[in-house]
Amino acid sequence: MKLRPEQELLLLRRIADGDHGAFNTLYRHYQPILLQYCRPFITMEVSEEEIVQEVFVEFWERRERAVNIRNVKSYLLQTAKNKLLNIHRHVLVVERMKQEFQTLPKQETAEDKLIFKEHYALFQNQMMAISPTKRQIFEGRIFDDKSNKQIATETKLSESMVKKHFKHVKSLFEIFVKKYQ
């Protein structure tokens, strides 16, 4: 069943007022469309269900702005696209970080070895400055190629908390890498 524009507008107004029933109606209508949209772009990092869930969580968190949306389908698809692009950027950052920390120069000079030892010591200090749980999440994702779901099971945290902790630690290390390049 297709929602007519006046139905969508009414739903958006009700959602902006915090109506869970209106949100569920919108969710049930657009969830299959978003799943189909996301499916071709999915990597091992995340499932299309996770992306769609994040889109709707963000939509609910910003529900006061819902009345300003003129085309719900376009809005939701654009939000999904932005999330997919962020994941792609994240994958590129992780790959760059792996290369930074796992490759050594072929012909090391004494100066190269000293610089590496200093940077490695700084890296270790940075690792020890974060909580053991965040360290476990970071190491699991970066060095062991584990999924959020695997880490969530190991740490007994929700996948969303694993993502949140990883994002925080990743931002710290992006700053670290930039500082010591």
N, C-alpha and C. Protein backbone atom coordinates (compact mmCIF):
# COMPACT_ATOMS: atom_id res chain seq x y z
N MET A 1 0.84 -1.18 0.00
CA MET A 1 0.00 0.00 0.00
C MET A 1 0.88 1.25 0.00
N LYS A 2 0.63 2.11 -0.92
CA LYS A 2 1.40 3.35 -1.02
C LYS A 2 0.73 4.41 -0.15
N LEU A 3 1.57 5.15 0.55
CA LEU A 3 1.05 6.25 1.37
C LEU A 3 0.86 7.48 0.49
N ARG A 4 -0.28 8.09 0.62
CA ARG A 4 -0.53 9.34 -0.11
C ARG A 4 0.19 10.48 0.60
N PRO A 5 0.53 11.54 -0.14
CA PRO A 5 1.26 12.66 0.48
C PRO A 5 0.57 13.23 1.72
N GLU A 6 -0.75 13.34 1.69
CA GLU A 6 -1.45 13.89 2.86
C GLU A 6 -1.38 12.92 4.04
N GLN A 7 -1.32 11.60 3.76
CA GLN A 7 -1.16 10.62 4.84
C GLN A 7 0.23 10.76 5.46
N GLU A 8 1.25 10.89 4.60
CA GLU A 8 2.61 11.06 5.10
C GLU A 8 2.73 12.31 5.95
N LEU A 9 2.14 13.40 5.49
CA LEU A 9 2.19 14.65 6.24
C LEU A 9 1.56 14.49 7.61
N LEU A 10 0.43 13.82 7.66
CA LEU A 10 -0.23 13.57 8.94
C LEU A 10 0.64 12.70 9.84
N LEU A 11 1.24 11.65 9.26
CA LEU A 11 2.13 10.79 10.04
C LEU A 11 3.32 11.58 10.58
N LEU A 12 3.90 12.44 9.76
CA LEU A 12 5.06 13.24 10.18
C LEU A 12 4.68 14.16 11.34
N ARG A 13 3.51 14.75 11.27
CA ARG A 13 3.06 15.62 12.37
C ARG A 13 2.90 14.82 13.66
N ARG A 14 2.30 13.64 13.53
CA ARG A 14 2.09 12.79 14.70
C ARG A 14 3.43 12.30 15.26
N ILE A 15 4.35 11.96 14.37
CA ILE A 15 5.68 11.51 14.82
C ILE A 15 6.38 12.64 15.55
N ALA A 16 6.31 13.84 15.01
CA ALA A 16 6.93 15.00 15.66
C ALA A 16 6.39 15.20 17.07
N ASP A 17 5.14 14.80 17.29
CA ASP A 17 4.53 14.89 18.62
C ASP A 17 4.83 13.67 19.49
N GLY A 18 5.64 12.72 18.95
CA GLY A 18 6.04 11.55 19.74
C GLY A 18 5.14 10.35 19.62
N ASP A 19 4.31 10.27 18.59
CA ASP A 19 3.37 9.17 18.41
C ASP A 19 4.09 7.93 17.87
N HIS A 20 4.22 6.91 18.73
CA HIS A 20 4.91 5.67 18.35
C HIS A 20 4.15 4.91 17.27
N GLY A 21 2.82 4.94 17.33
CA GLY A 21 2.02 4.24 16.33
C GLY A 21 2.25 4.79 14.94
N ALA A 22 2.32 6.11 14.82
CA ALA A 22 2.59 6.74 13.52
C ALA A 22 3.99 6.36 13.03
N PHE A 23 4.93 6.35 13.96
CA PHE A 23 6.31 5.96 13.60
C PHE A 23 6.33 4.52 13.09
N ASN A 24 5.62 3.62 13.79
CA ASN A 24 5.58 2.21 13.37
C ASN A 24 4.96 2.06 11.99
N THR A 25 3.95 2.84 11.70
CA THR A 25 3.33 2.80 10.37
C THR A 25 4.34 3.21 9.30
N LEU A 26 5.04 4.30 9.55
CA LEU A 26 6.06 4.77 8.61
C LEU A 26 7.18 3.75 8.47
N TYR A 27 7.59 3.18 9.58
CA TYR A 27 8.66 2.17 9.58
C TYR A 27 8.25 0.96 8.74
N ARG A 28 7.07 0.43 9.00
CA ARG A 28 6.62 -0.76 8.26
C ARG A 28 6.51 -0.48 6.76
N HIS A 29 6.17 0.75 6.42
CA HIS A 29 6.03 1.09 5.00
C HIS A 29 7.40 1.21 4.31
N TYR A 30 8.33 1.90 4.94
CA TYR A 30 9.61 2.21 4.28
C TYR A 30 10.74 1.24 4.58
N GLN A 31 10.62 0.41 5.59
CA GLN A 31 11.69 -0.52 5.93
C GLN A 31 12.06 -1.45 4.76
N PRO A 32 11.09 -2.09 4.07
CA PRO A 32 11.46 -2.96 2.95
C PRO A 32 12.14 -2.19 1.81
N ILE A 33 11.73 -0.98 1.57
CA ILE A 33 12.32 -0.15 0.51
C ILE A 33 13.77 0.15 0.84
N LEU A 34 14.04 0.50 2.09
CA LEU A 34 15.41 0.81 2.51
C LEU A 34 16.28 -0.44 2.51
N LEU A 35 15.73 -1.57 2.93
CA LEU A 35 16.51 -2.82 2.89
C LEU A 35 16.93 -3.13 1.46
N GLN A 36 16.01 -3.01 0.54
CA GLN A 36 16.31 -3.28 -0.87
C GLN A 36 17.36 -2.29 -1.40
N TYR A 37 17.26 -1.03 -1.00
CA TYR A 37 18.22 -0.02 -1.44
C TYR A 37 19.62 -0.33 -0.91
N CYS A 38 19.72 -0.71 0.36
CA CYS A 38 21.03 -0.91 1.00
C CYS A 38 21.72 -2.21 0.58
N ARG A 39 20.95 -3.23 0.29
CA ARG A 39 21.50 -4.57 0.05
C ARG A 39 22.69 -4.61 -0.90
N PRO A 40 22.68 -3.95 -2.05
CA PRO A 40 23.83 -4.05 -2.97
C PRO A 40 25.12 -3.41 -2.43
N PHE A 41 25.00 -2.54 -1.44
CA PHE A 41 26.15 -1.80 -0.96
C PHE A 41 26.75 -2.38 0.32
N ILE A 42 26.20 -3.45 0.80
CA ILE A 42 26.60 -3.99 2.09
C ILE A 42 27.96 -4.68 1.99
N THR A 43 28.77 -4.43 3.02
CA THR A 43 30.07 -5.08 3.14
C THR A 43 30.01 -6.02 4.34
N MET A 44 31.13 -6.62 4.66
CA MET A 44 31.18 -7.51 5.82
C MET A 44 31.06 -6.72 7.12
N GLU A 45 31.27 -5.42 7.04
CA GLU A 45 31.27 -4.59 8.24
C GLU A 45 29.90 -4.49 8.90
N VAL A 46 28.85 -4.49 8.09
CA VAL A 46 27.53 -4.20 8.64
C VAL A 46 26.47 -4.81 7.72
N SER A 47 25.32 -5.12 8.27
CA SER A 47 24.23 -5.68 7.47
C SER A 47 23.26 -4.57 7.07
N GLU A 48 22.43 -4.87 6.07
CA GLU A 48 21.45 -3.87 5.65
C GLU A 48 20.44 -3.60 6.76
N GLU A 49 20.17 -4.61 7.57
CA GLU A 49 19.24 -4.42 8.69
C GLU A 49 19.79 -3.40 9.68
N GLU A 50 21.11 -3.47 9.94
CA GLU A 50 21.73 -2.51 10.87
C GLU A 50 21.63 -1.08 10.33
N ILE A 51 21.89 -0.93 9.03
CA ILE A 51 21.82 0.40 8.42
C ILE A 51 20.40 0.95 8.54
N VAL A 52 19.43 0.14 8.17
CA VAL A 52 18.03 0.59 8.19
C VAL A 52 17.62 0.92 9.63
N GLN A 53 18.05 0.10 10.57
CA GLN A 53 17.74 0.38 11.97
C GLN A 53 18.33 1.72 12.40
N GLU A 54 19.58 1.98 12.02
CA GLU A 54 20.22 3.26 12.36
C GLU A 54 19.49 4.44 11.72
N VAL A 55 19.03 4.25 10.49
CA VAL A 55 18.29 5.32 9.81
C VAL A 55 17.03 5.67 10.61
N PHE A 56 16.30 4.65 11.02
CA PHE A 56 15.06 4.92 11.75
C PHE A 56 15.31 5.40 13.18
N VAL A 57 16.37 4.94 13.80
CA VAL A 57 16.71 5.45 15.14
C VAL A 57 17.01 6.94 15.04
N GLU A 58 17.82 7.31 14.05
CA GLU A 58 18.15 8.72 13.85
C GLU A 58 16.89 9.53 13.52
N PHE A 59 16.02 8.96 12.70
CA PHE A 59 14.77 9.64 12.35
C PHE A 59 13.96 9.91 13.61
N TRP A 60 13.85 8.90 14.49
CA TRP A 60 13.07 9.07 15.72
C TRP A 60 13.73 10.10 16.63
N GLU A 61 15.05 10.06 16.75
CA GLU A 61 15.75 11.00 17.61
C GLU A 61 15.59 12.44 17.14
N ARG A 62 15.37 12.63 15.85
CA ARG A 62 15.20 13.98 15.29
C ARG A 62 13.75 14.21 14.86
N ARG A 63 12.84 13.55 15.51
CA ARG A 63 11.43 13.58 15.10
C ARG A 63 10.82 14.97 15.10
N GLU A 64 11.34 15.89 15.94
CA GLU A 64 10.79 17.25 15.97
C GLU A 64 10.89 17.91 14.60
N ARG A 65 11.89 17.52 13.84
CA ARG A 65 12.11 18.11 12.51
C ARG A 65 11.28 17.42 11.42
N ALA A 66 10.57 16.38 11.79
CA ALA A 66 9.85 15.57 10.80
C ALA A 66 8.88 16.41 9.97
N VAL A 67 8.27 17.41 10.58
CA VAL A 67 7.29 18.22 9.85
C VAL A 67 7.93 19.03 8.72
N ASN A 68 9.23 19.17 8.74
CA ASN A 68 9.94 19.91 7.69
C ASN A 68 10.29 19.04 6.49
N ILE A 69 10.09 17.75 6.60
CA ILE A 69 10.43 16.82 5.51
C ILE A 69 9.35 16.89 4.44
N ARG A 70 9.76 17.12 3.22
CA ARG A 70 8.80 17.23 2.11
C ARG A 70 8.63 15.92 1.36
N ASN A 71 9.68 15.09 1.33
CA ASN A 71 9.61 13.81 0.64
C ASN A 71 10.26 12.76 1.55
N VAL A 72 9.42 12.00 2.23
CA VAL A 72 9.92 11.05 3.23
C VAL A 72 10.83 10.00 2.61
N LYS A 73 10.41 9.45 1.48
CA LYS A 73 11.21 8.41 0.83
C LYS A 73 12.60 8.94 0.48
N SER A 74 12.67 10.11 -0.12
CA SER A 74 13.96 10.70 -0.49
C SER A 74 14.81 10.97 0.75
N TYR A 75 14.17 11.48 1.79
CA TYR A 75 14.88 11.78 3.04
C TYR A 75 15.49 10.50 3.62
N LEU A 76 14.70 9.44 3.70
CA LEU A 76 15.19 8.19 4.28
C LEU A 76 16.28 7.56 3.41
N LEU A 77 16.10 7.59 2.09
CA LEU A 77 17.12 7.04 1.19
C LEU A 77 18.42 7.84 1.28
N GLN A 78 18.34 9.16 1.39
CA GLN A 78 19.54 9.99 1.52
C GLN A 78 20.25 9.70 2.83
N THR A 79 19.48 9.51 3.90
CA THR A 79 20.07 9.18 5.19
C THR A 79 20.79 7.84 5.11
N ALA A 80 20.16 6.86 4.47
CA ALA A 80 20.79 5.55 4.29
C ALA A 80 22.06 5.67 3.46
N LYS A 81 22.01 6.46 2.41
CA LYS A 81 23.18 6.66 1.56
C LYS A 81 24.33 7.26 2.37
N ASN A 82 24.04 8.26 3.19
CA ASN A 82 25.07 8.88 4.02
C ASN A 82 25.68 7.87 4.99
N LYS A 83 24.86 7.02 5.57
CA LYS A 83 25.37 6.00 6.48
C LYS A 83 26.26 5.01 5.74
N LEU A 84 25.86 4.61 4.55
CA LEU A 84 26.68 3.70 3.74
C LEU A 84 28.02 4.34 3.38
N LEU A 85 28.00 5.63 3.03
CA LEU A 85 29.25 6.34 2.71
C LEU A 85 30.15 6.43 3.94
N ASN A 86 29.57 6.65 5.10
CA ASN A 86 30.36 6.70 6.33
C ASN A 86 31.03 5.35 6.60
N ILE A 87 30.30 4.28 6.35
CA ILE A 87 30.88 2.94 6.54
C ILE A 87 32.03 2.73 5.56
N HIS A 88 31.83 3.16 4.32
CA HIS A 88 32.89 3.02 3.32
C HIS A 88 34.14 3.80 3.76
N ARG A 89 33.94 5.03 4.23
CA ARG A 89 35.07 5.81 4.73
C ARG A 89 35.74 5.11 5.90
N HIS A 90 34.93 4.55 6.78
CA HIS A 90 35.46 3.83 7.94
C HIS A 90 36.34 2.67 7.49
N VAL A 91 35.89 1.91 6.50
CA VAL A 91 36.66 0.77 5.99
C VAL A 91 38.01 1.27 5.45
N LEU A 92 37.99 2.38 4.74
CA LEU A 92 39.24 2.93 4.20
C LEU A 92 40.19 3.35 5.33
N VAL A 93 39.66 3.97 6.37
CA VAL A 93 40.48 4.38 7.51
C VAL A 93 41.08 3.15 8.20
N VAL A 94 40.27 2.12 8.39
CA VAL A 94 40.76 0.90 9.04
C VAL A 94 41.88 0.28 8.21
N GLU A 95 41.70 0.22 6.91
CA GLU A 95 42.74 -0.33 6.05
C GLU A 95 44.03 0.49 6.15
N ARG A 96 43.89 1.80 6.15
CA ARG A 96 45.06 2.67 6.27
C ARG A 96 45.75 2.45 7.62
N MET A 97 44.96 2.32 8.68
CA MET A 97 45.53 2.09 10.00
C MET A 97 46.25 0.75 10.07
N LYS A 98 45.66 -0.28 9.47
CA LYS A 98 46.32 -1.60 9.43
C LYS A 98 47.67 -1.49 8.75
N GLN A 99 47.70 -0.80 7.62
CA GLN A 99 48.95 -0.65 6.90
C GLN A 99 49.97 0.12 7.71
N GLU A 100 49.53 1.17 8.40
CA GLU A 100 50.42 1.97 9.23
C GLU A 100 51.11 1.12 10.30
N PHE A 101 50.33 0.29 10.96
CA PHE A 101 50.84 -0.43 12.11
C PHE A 101 51.40 -1.81 11.79
N GLN A 102 51.16 -2.31 10.62
CA GLN A 102 51.60 -3.66 10.31
C GLN A 102 52.75 -3.73 9.30
N THR A 103 53.08 -2.64 8.68
CA THR A 103 54.16 -2.67 7.70
C THR A 103 55.36 -1.89 8.21
N LEU A 104 56.50 -2.49 8.04
CA LEU A 104 57.75 -1.84 8.42
C LEU A 104 58.55 -1.57 7.15
N PRO A 105 59.37 -0.55 7.15
CA PRO A 105 60.21 -0.30 5.98
C PRO A 105 61.13 -1.49 5.70
N LYS A 106 61.39 -1.75 4.41
CA LYS A 106 62.25 -2.88 4.02
C LYS A 106 63.68 -2.68 4.51
N GLN A 107 64.24 -1.52 4.27
CA GLN A 107 65.62 -1.21 4.66
C GLN A 107 65.57 -0.25 5.84
N GLU A 108 65.61 -0.80 7.01
CA GLU A 108 65.53 0.05 8.19
C GLU A 108 66.90 0.60 8.56
N THR A 109 66.91 1.88 8.78
CA THR A 109 68.11 2.50 9.31
C THR A 109 67.97 2.55 10.83
N ALA A 110 69.03 2.89 11.50
CA ALA A 110 68.98 3.01 12.96
C ALA A 110 67.95 4.08 13.35
N GLU A 111 67.90 5.16 12.56
CA GLU A 111 66.93 6.22 12.84
C GLU A 111 65.50 5.71 12.66
N ASP A 112 65.25 4.92 11.59
CA ASP A 112 63.93 4.34 11.37
C ASP A 112 63.51 3.46 12.54
N LYS A 113 64.44 2.65 13.01
CA LYS A 113 64.14 1.76 14.14
C LYS A 113 63.81 2.56 15.39
N LEU A 114 64.58 3.61 15.62
CA LEU A 114 64.34 4.45 16.80
C LEU A 114 62.98 5.15 16.71
N ILE A 115 62.69 5.70 15.54
CA ILE A 115 61.39 6.37 15.34
C ILE A 115 60.26 5.37 15.52
N PHE A 116 60.42 4.17 14.94
CA PHE A 116 59.39 3.15 15.09
C PHE A 116 59.20 2.79 16.56
N LYS A 117 60.29 2.57 17.27
CA LYS A 117 60.19 2.22 18.70
C LYS A 117 59.49 3.32 19.49
N GLU A 118 59.82 4.57 19.18
CA GLU A 118 59.18 5.69 19.87
C GLU A 118 57.69 5.75 19.57
N HIS A 119 57.35 5.60 18.29
CA HIS A 119 55.94 5.63 17.90
C HIS A 119 55.19 4.43 18.47
N TYR A 120 55.84 3.28 18.47
CA TYR A 120 55.20 2.09 19.03
C TYR A 120 54.97 2.26 20.52
N ALA A 121 55.93 2.83 21.22
CA ALA A 121 55.76 3.09 22.65
C ALA A 121 54.61 4.08 22.89
N LEU A 122 54.55 5.12 22.06
CA LEU A 122 53.44 6.07 22.17
C LEU A 122 52.10 5.37 21.89
N PHE A 123 52.10 4.50 20.89
CA PHE A 123 50.90 3.75 20.56
C PHE A 123 50.49 2.87 21.75
N GLN A 124 51.45 2.17 22.33
CA GLN A 124 51.15 1.32 23.48
C GLN A 124 50.62 2.14 24.66
N ASN A 125 51.21 3.30 24.89
CA ASN A 125 50.71 4.18 25.96
C ASN A 125 49.28 4.61 25.67
N GLN A 126 49.00 4.93 24.42
CA GLN A 126 47.64 5.31 24.02
C GLN A 126 46.70 4.14 24.26
N MET A 127 47.13 2.94 23.93
CA MET A 127 46.29 1.75 24.14
C MET A 127 46.01 1.54 25.62
N MET A 128 47.00 1.77 26.46
CA MET A 128 46.83 1.54 27.90
C MET A 128 45.97 2.65 28.53
N ALA A 129 45.85 3.77 27.86
CA ALA A 129 45.06 4.89 28.40
C ALA A 129 43.56 4.68 28.21
N ILE A 130 43.18 3.76 27.35
CA ILE A 130 41.75 3.51 27.15
C ILE A 130 41.33 2.32 28.01
N SER A 131 40.06 2.22 28.24
CA SER A 131 39.55 1.15 29.11
C SER A 131 39.80 -0.22 28.47
N PRO A 132 39.90 -1.27 29.30
CA PRO A 132 40.11 -2.61 28.74
C PRO A 132 39.03 -3.04 27.75
N THR A 133 37.80 -2.65 28.01
CA THR A 133 36.71 -3.02 27.10
C THR A 133 36.88 -2.32 25.75
N LYS A 134 37.17 -1.03 25.79
CA LYS A 134 37.38 -0.30 24.53
C LYS A 134 38.60 -0.84 23.80
N ARG A 135 39.63 -1.20 24.54
CA ARG A 135 40.84 -1.77 23.93
C ARG A 135 40.49 -3.09 23.25
N GLN A 136 39.70 -3.94 23.93
CA GLN A 136 39.29 -5.22 23.37
C GLN A 136 38.48 -5.01 22.09
N ILE A 137 37.59 -4.04 22.09
CA ILE A 137 36.77 -3.74 20.91
C ILE A 137 37.66 -3.28 19.76
N PHE A 138 38.56 -2.34 20.05
CA PHE A 138 39.45 -1.80 19.02
C PHE A 138 40.35 -2.90 18.43
N GLU A 139 40.98 -3.67 19.30
CA GLU A 139 41.88 -4.72 18.83
C GLU A 139 41.11 -5.79 18.06
N GLY A 140 39.91 -6.11 18.53
CA GLY A 140 39.10 -7.10 17.82
C GLY A 140 38.75 -6.66 16.41
N ARG A 141 38.38 -5.40 16.27
CA ARG A 141 38.01 -4.89 14.94
C ARG A 141 39.24 -4.70 14.05
N ILE A 142 40.29 -4.08 14.58
CA ILE A 142 41.45 -3.72 13.76
C ILE A 142 42.37 -4.90 13.49
N PHE A 143 42.73 -5.61 14.53
CA PHE A 143 43.76 -6.64 14.37
C PHE A 143 43.20 -8.04 14.12
N ASP A 144 42.00 -8.31 14.60
CA ASP A 144 41.43 -9.65 14.46
C ASP A 144 40.31 -9.73 13.44
N ASP A 145 39.96 -8.60 12.80
CA ASP A 145 38.90 -8.55 11.78
C ASP A 145 37.58 -9.14 12.28
N LYS A 146 37.24 -8.89 13.52
CA LYS A 146 35.99 -9.40 14.06
C LYS A 146 34.86 -8.42 13.75
N SER A 147 33.67 -8.96 13.64
CA SER A 147 32.49 -8.12 13.39
C SER A 147 31.99 -7.52 14.70
N ASN A 148 31.15 -6.50 14.58
CA ASN A 148 30.54 -5.91 15.78
C ASN A 148 29.75 -6.96 16.55
N LYS A 149 29.08 -7.83 15.82
CA LYS A 149 28.27 -8.86 16.46
C LYS A 149 29.15 -9.81 17.29
N GLN A 150 30.30 -10.24 16.72
CA GLN A 150 31.21 -11.12 17.45
C GLN A 150 31.73 -10.45 18.71
N ILE A 151 32.12 -9.19 18.57
CA ILE A 151 32.66 -8.46 19.71
C ILE A 151 31.58 -8.23 20.76
N ALA A 152 30.37 -7.93 20.32
CA ALA A 152 29.25 -7.73 21.25
C ALA A 152 29.02 -8.99 22.08
N THR A 153 29.10 -10.13 21.43
CA THR A 153 28.92 -11.39 22.14
C THR A 153 30.03 -11.59 23.16
N GLU A 154 31.27 -11.32 22.76
CA GLU A 154 32.42 -11.50 23.65
C GLU A 154 32.38 -10.56 24.84
N THR A 155 32.00 -9.31 24.59
CA THR A 155 32.04 -8.30 25.65
C THR A 155 30.72 -8.18 26.41
N LYS A 156 29.69 -8.89 25.92
CA LYS A 156 28.36 -8.82 26.53
C LYS A 156 27.79 -7.40 26.49
N LEU A 157 28.09 -6.70 25.40
CA LEU A 157 27.55 -5.37 25.15
C LEU A 157 26.64 -5.45 23.94
N SER A 158 25.81 -4.46 23.77
CA SER A 158 24.98 -4.42 22.57
C SER A 158 25.87 -4.01 21.39
N GLU A 159 25.42 -4.36 20.19
CA GLU A 159 26.18 -3.98 19.00
C GLU A 159 26.30 -2.47 18.89
N SER A 160 25.25 -1.75 19.27
CA SER A 160 25.31 -0.29 19.18
C SER A 160 26.36 0.28 20.14
N MET A 161 26.51 -0.33 21.31
CA MET A 161 27.56 0.13 22.24
C MET A 161 28.95 -0.19 21.69
N VAL A 162 29.09 -1.36 21.07
CA VAL A 162 30.37 -1.73 20.46
C VAL A 162 30.73 -0.69 19.39
N LYS A 163 29.75 -0.34 18.54
CA LYS A 163 29.98 0.66 17.50
C LYS A 163 30.37 1.99 18.11
N LYS A 164 29.67 2.39 19.15
CA LYS A 164 29.93 3.68 19.80
C LYS A 164 31.34 3.71 20.37
N HIS A 165 31.73 2.65 21.10
CA HIS A 165 33.07 2.60 21.69
C HIS A 165 34.14 2.57 20.60
N PHE A 166 33.90 1.78 19.54
CA PHE A 166 34.89 1.70 18.47
C PHE A 166 35.06 3.06 17.79
N LYS A 167 33.96 3.72 17.54
CA LYS A 167 34.01 5.04 16.89
C LYS A 167 34.83 6.02 17.72
N HIS A 168 34.63 5.98 19.03
CA HIS A 168 35.38 6.87 19.93
C HIS A 168 36.88 6.56 19.88
N VAL A 169 37.24 5.29 20.02
CA VAL A 169 38.65 4.91 20.02
C VAL A 169 39.27 5.19 18.66
N LYS A 170 38.52 4.90 17.60
CA LYS A 170 39.03 5.15 16.24
C LYS A 170 39.37 6.63 16.06
N SER A 171 38.51 7.50 16.56
CA SER A 171 38.78 8.93 16.42
C SER A 171 40.04 9.32 17.18
N LEU A 172 40.27 8.72 18.34
CA LEU A 172 41.51 8.99 19.09
C LEU A 172 42.74 8.57 18.29
N PHE A 173 42.65 7.40 17.66
CA PHE A 173 43.80 6.91 16.91
C PHE A 173 43.98 7.61 15.57
N GLU A 174 42.92 8.12 15.00
CA GLU A 174 43.08 8.93 13.79
C GLU A 174 43.87 10.19 14.12
N ILE A 175 43.58 10.79 15.24
CA ILE A 175 44.33 11.95 15.71
C ILE A 175 45.78 11.56 15.95
N PHE A 176 45.99 10.40 16.60
CA PHE A 176 47.33 9.90 16.89
C PHE A 176 48.12 9.69 15.60
N VAL A 177 47.50 9.04 14.61
CA VAL A 177 48.19 8.76 13.34
C VAL A 177 48.57 10.06 12.65
N LYS A 178 47.65 11.02 12.60
CA LYS A 178 47.94 12.30 11.97
C LYS A 178 49.09 13.01 12.68
N LYS A 179 49.11 12.94 13.99
CA LYS A 179 50.13 13.63 14.77
C LYS A 179 51.52 13.05 14.55
N TYR A 180 51.59 11.72 14.37
CA TYR A 180 52.90 11.06 14.29
C TYR A 180 53.24 10.52 12.91
N GLN A 181 52.64 11.06 11.88
CA GLN A 181 52.98 10.63 10.52
C GLN A 181 54.33 11.14 10.12
